[in-house]
Amino acid sequence: MSKTEENFDTVISECHNLFNKKMIDYGSAWRILRLSSLTDQIFIKAQRIRSIEEKGKQQVNDSIDGEFRGIINYSIIALIQIEKGLVDSPDLDCKQASDLYIYFANKTKELMIAKNHDYGEAWREMRVSSFTDLILQKLLRVKQIEDNKGETIVSEGIDANYIDMINYSIFALIKLSEK
């Protein structure tokens, strides 16, 4: 296994652990959220990261690392929502939600491995701020696709954008941990 795969597994394990703890605290209350609400929640987190990067300081102690983890978890929740559809009340127990989390984390990892092969791990030469900008760009794309009722002419769908946001967040967390 490559170092990147090990790093990916470490980050996903931390995020999955947090997800499972929140499932114990809150259950699957998130199952009532529309995709647009999840997109907006991720947007808030990415915008906060960018604001802190631009200003060079922050007034709320929530870490940038925590915001990237939030982007990962909300993106996986969005993928679950795409797969399962919207419901009016929580319908997943901890095991079901955890299994779905692992399924989408594995799907994301497979794409990351394929892209790393083709791009030669170019992400390692990128700045964390570039990942922030790419996540914000993906969010604007998702918002446009949502406004178009999910229809695209030649572009990837919403799910591909969420998967990219997960991978960009993981890359950012790896770079931040290596500083």
Protein backbone atom coordinates (compact mmCIF):
# COMPACT_ATOMS: atom_id res chain seq x y z
CA MET A 1 0.00 0.00 0.00
CA SER A 2 1.31 3.46 -0.89
CA LYS A 3 1.90 6.21 1.65
CA THR A 4 -1.03 8.14 0.16
CA GLU A 5 -3.35 5.17 0.63
CA GLU A 6 -2.21 4.84 4.25
CA ASN A 7 -2.75 8.58 4.78
CA PHE A 8 -6.20 8.31 3.17
CA ASP A 9 -7.12 5.42 5.45
CA THR A 10 -5.97 7.34 8.54
CA VAL A 11 -8.03 10.42 7.66
CA ILE A 12 -11.12 8.40 6.72
CA SER A 13 -10.82 6.38 9.92
CA GLU A 14 -10.77 9.58 12.00
CA CYS A 15 -13.74 11.01 10.07
CA HIS A 16 -15.67 7.73 10.25
CA ASN A 17 -15.07 7.54 14.00
CA LEU A 18 -16.45 11.08 14.39
CA PHE A 19 -19.43 10.19 12.17
CA ASN A 20 -20.20 7.14 14.30
CA LYS A 21 -20.02 9.16 17.53
CA LYS A 22 -22.40 11.75 16.09
CA MET A 23 -24.73 8.93 15.02
CA ILE A 24 -24.86 7.83 18.67
CA ASP A 25 -25.56 11.41 19.79
CA TYR A 26 -28.02 12.45 17.08
CA GLY A 27 -29.07 9.35 15.16
CA SER A 28 -29.66 9.80 11.46
CA ALA A 29 -31.49 13.13 11.81
CA TRP A 30 -29.48 14.25 8.77
CA ARG A 31 -31.61 11.95 6.60
CA ILE A 32 -34.24 14.71 6.36
CA LEU A 33 -31.80 17.15 4.76
CA ARG A 34 -32.25 18.00 1.12
CA LEU A 35 -29.15 17.90 -1.05
CA SER A 36 -29.19 21.68 -1.38
CA SER A 37 -29.01 22.01 2.43
CA LEU A 38 -25.99 19.71 2.54
CA THR A 39 -24.34 21.67 -0.27
CA ASP A 40 -24.90 24.90 1.66
CA GLN A 41 -23.51 23.38 4.87
CA ILE A 42 -20.35 22.33 3.02
CA PHE A 43 -20.17 25.78 1.41
CA ILE A 44 -20.21 27.44 4.85
CA LYS A 45 -17.30 25.27 5.99
CA ALA A 46 -15.24 25.87 2.84
CA GLN A 47 -15.94 29.60 2.94
CA ARG A 48 -14.81 29.75 6.59
CA ILE A 49 -11.56 27.98 5.69
CA ARG A 50 -10.94 30.45 2.86
CA SER A 51 -11.74 33.41 5.10
CA ILE A 52 -9.24 32.22 7.72
CA GLU A 53 -6.62 31.57 5.02
CA GLU A 54 -7.12 35.10 3.65
CA LYS A 55 -7.19 36.90 7.01
CA GLY A 56 -4.44 34.82 8.58
CA LYS A 57 -6.33 34.59 11.87
CA GLN A 58 -9.58 33.38 13.33
CA GLN A 59 -11.82 34.37 16.22
CA VAL A 60 -13.65 31.05 16.73
CA ASN A 61 -11.43 28.21 17.93
CA ASP A 62 -12.89 25.51 15.65
CA SER A 63 -9.89 24.25 13.69
CA ILE A 64 -9.42 24.29 9.94
CA ASP A 65 -8.74 20.55 10.23
CA GLY A 66 -12.17 20.12 11.78
CA GLU A 67 -13.77 22.04 8.93
CA PHE A 68 -12.11 19.78 6.34
CA ARG A 69 -13.33 16.74 8.30
CA GLY A 70 -16.80 18.27 8.27
CA ILE A 71 -16.61 18.66 4.48
CA ILE A 72 -15.67 14.99 4.19
CA ASN A 73 -18.50 13.81 6.42
CA TYR A 74 -21.16 16.07 4.90
CA SER A 75 -20.04 15.00 1.41
CA ILE A 76 -20.39 11.33 2.35
CA ILE A 77 -23.81 12.11 3.84
CA ALA A 78 -24.72 13.77 0.52
CA LEU A 79 -23.65 10.65 -1.38
CA ILE A 80 -25.83 8.57 0.95
CA GLN A 81 -28.74 10.94 0.32
CA ILE A 82 -28.28 10.61 -3.45
CA GLU A 83 -28.26 6.82 -3.12
CA LYS A 84 -31.09 6.44 -0.61
CA GLY A 85 -33.25 9.47 -1.37
CA LEU A 86 -34.78 12.00 1.00
CA VAL A 87 -36.96 10.85 3.92
CA ASP A 88 -39.31 12.61 6.32
CA SER A 89 -37.83 11.04 9.45
CA PRO A 90 -34.60 9.29 10.45
CA ASP A 91 -34.56 5.74 9.10
CA LEU A 92 -31.01 4.40 9.49
CA ASP A 93 -29.52 2.84 12.56
CA CYS A 94 -25.84 3.25 13.43
CA LYS A 95 -24.74 0.06 11.66
CA GLN A 96 -26.62 0.81 8.45
CA ALA A 97 -25.28 4.37 8.33
CA SER A 98 -21.75 3.21 9.14
CA ASP A 99 -21.87 0.56 6.40
CA LEU A 100 -23.01 3.15 3.86
CA TYR A 101 -20.24 5.49 5.04
CA ILE A 102 -17.63 2.77 4.45
CA TYR A 103 -19.10 1.97 1.02
CA PHE A 104 -18.77 5.58 -0.17
CA ALA A 105 -15.36 6.02 1.48
CA ASN A 106 -14.13 2.96 -0.44
CA LYS A 107 -15.62 4.26 -3.70
CA THR A 108 -13.84 7.58 -3.10
CA LYS A 109 -10.56 5.82 -2.36
CA GLU A 110 -10.78 3.81 -5.58
CA LEU A 111 -11.11 7.00 -7.61
CA MET A 112 -8.27 8.63 -5.68
CA ILE A 113 -5.98 5.67 -6.45
CA ALA A 114 -6.87 5.80 -10.16
CA LYS A 115 -6.35 9.56 -10.39
CA ASN A 116 -3.07 9.38 -8.42
CA HIS A 117 -1.85 6.83 -10.94
CA ASP A 118 -2.67 9.10 -13.85
CA TYR A 119 -1.59 12.39 -12.28
CA GLY A 120 1.50 11.09 -10.47
CA GLU A 121 0.43 12.52 -7.10
CA ALA A 122 0.66 16.09 -8.39
CA TRP A 123 -1.51 17.12 -5.42
CA ARG A 124 1.53 16.80 -3.15
CA GLU A 125 2.98 19.94 -4.81
CA MET A 126 -0.23 21.93 -4.32
CA ARG A 127 -1.02 24.42 -1.57
CA VAL A 128 -3.81 23.81 0.95
CA SER A 129 -5.39 27.07 -0.23
CA SER A 130 -5.71 25.57 -3.72
CA PHE A 131 -7.70 22.67 -2.30
CA THR A 132 -9.97 25.18 -0.58
CA ASP A 133 -10.53 27.02 -3.86
CA LEU A 134 -11.17 23.78 -5.76
CA ILE A 135 -13.73 22.72 -3.15
CA LEU A 136 -15.48 26.09 -3.48
CA GLN A 137 -15.46 25.73 -7.27
CA LYS A 138 -16.97 22.23 -6.98
CA LEU A 139 -19.65 23.63 -4.67
CA LEU A 140 -20.57 26.31 -7.20
CA ARG A 141 -20.80 23.62 -9.86
CA VAL A 142 -23.03 21.50 -7.61
CA LYS A 143 -25.28 24.51 -6.93
CA GLN A 144 -25.62 25.09 -10.67
CA ILE A 145 -26.45 21.42 -11.30
CA GLU A 146 -29.00 21.57 -8.47
CA ASP A 147 -30.51 24.70 -10.05
CA ASN A 148 -30.69 22.71 -13.31
CA LYS A 149 -32.71 19.99 -11.50
CA GLY A 150 -29.73 17.61 -11.62
CA GLU A 151 -29.42 17.72 -15.41
CA THR A 152 -26.06 18.09 -17.13
CA ILE A 153 -25.21 18.12 -20.83
CA VAL A 154 -21.56 17.04 -20.83
CA SER A 155 -20.44 17.34 -17.22
CA GLU A 156 -20.05 14.85 -14.41
CA GLY A 157 -22.97 14.56 -12.06
CA ILE A 158 -23.33 15.86 -8.54
CA ASP A 159 -21.94 12.67 -7.00
CA ALA A 160 -18.59 13.03 -8.80
CA ASN A 161 -18.23 16.55 -7.42
CA TYR A 162 -18.86 15.38 -3.85
CA ILE A 163 -16.28 12.61 -4.29
CA ASP A 164 -13.74 15.18 -5.53
CA MET A 165 -14.47 17.40 -2.50
CA ILE A 166 -13.80 14.44 -0.21
CA ASN A 167 -10.47 13.74 -1.90
CA TYR A 168 -9.43 17.42 -1.90
CA SER A 169 -10.26 17.61 1.82
CA ILE A 170 -8.26 14.47 2.53
CA PHE A 171 -5.30 15.86 0.59
CA ALA A 172 -5.55 19.11 2.57
CA LEU A 173 -5.61 17.22 5.88
CA ILE A 174 -2.60 15.13 4.82
CA LYS A 175 -0.65 18.28 3.89
CA LEU A 176 -1.64 20.01 7.13
CA SER A 177 -0.52 16.98 9.17
CA GLU A 178 2.85 16.93 7.42
CA LYS A 179 3.72 20.55 8.28
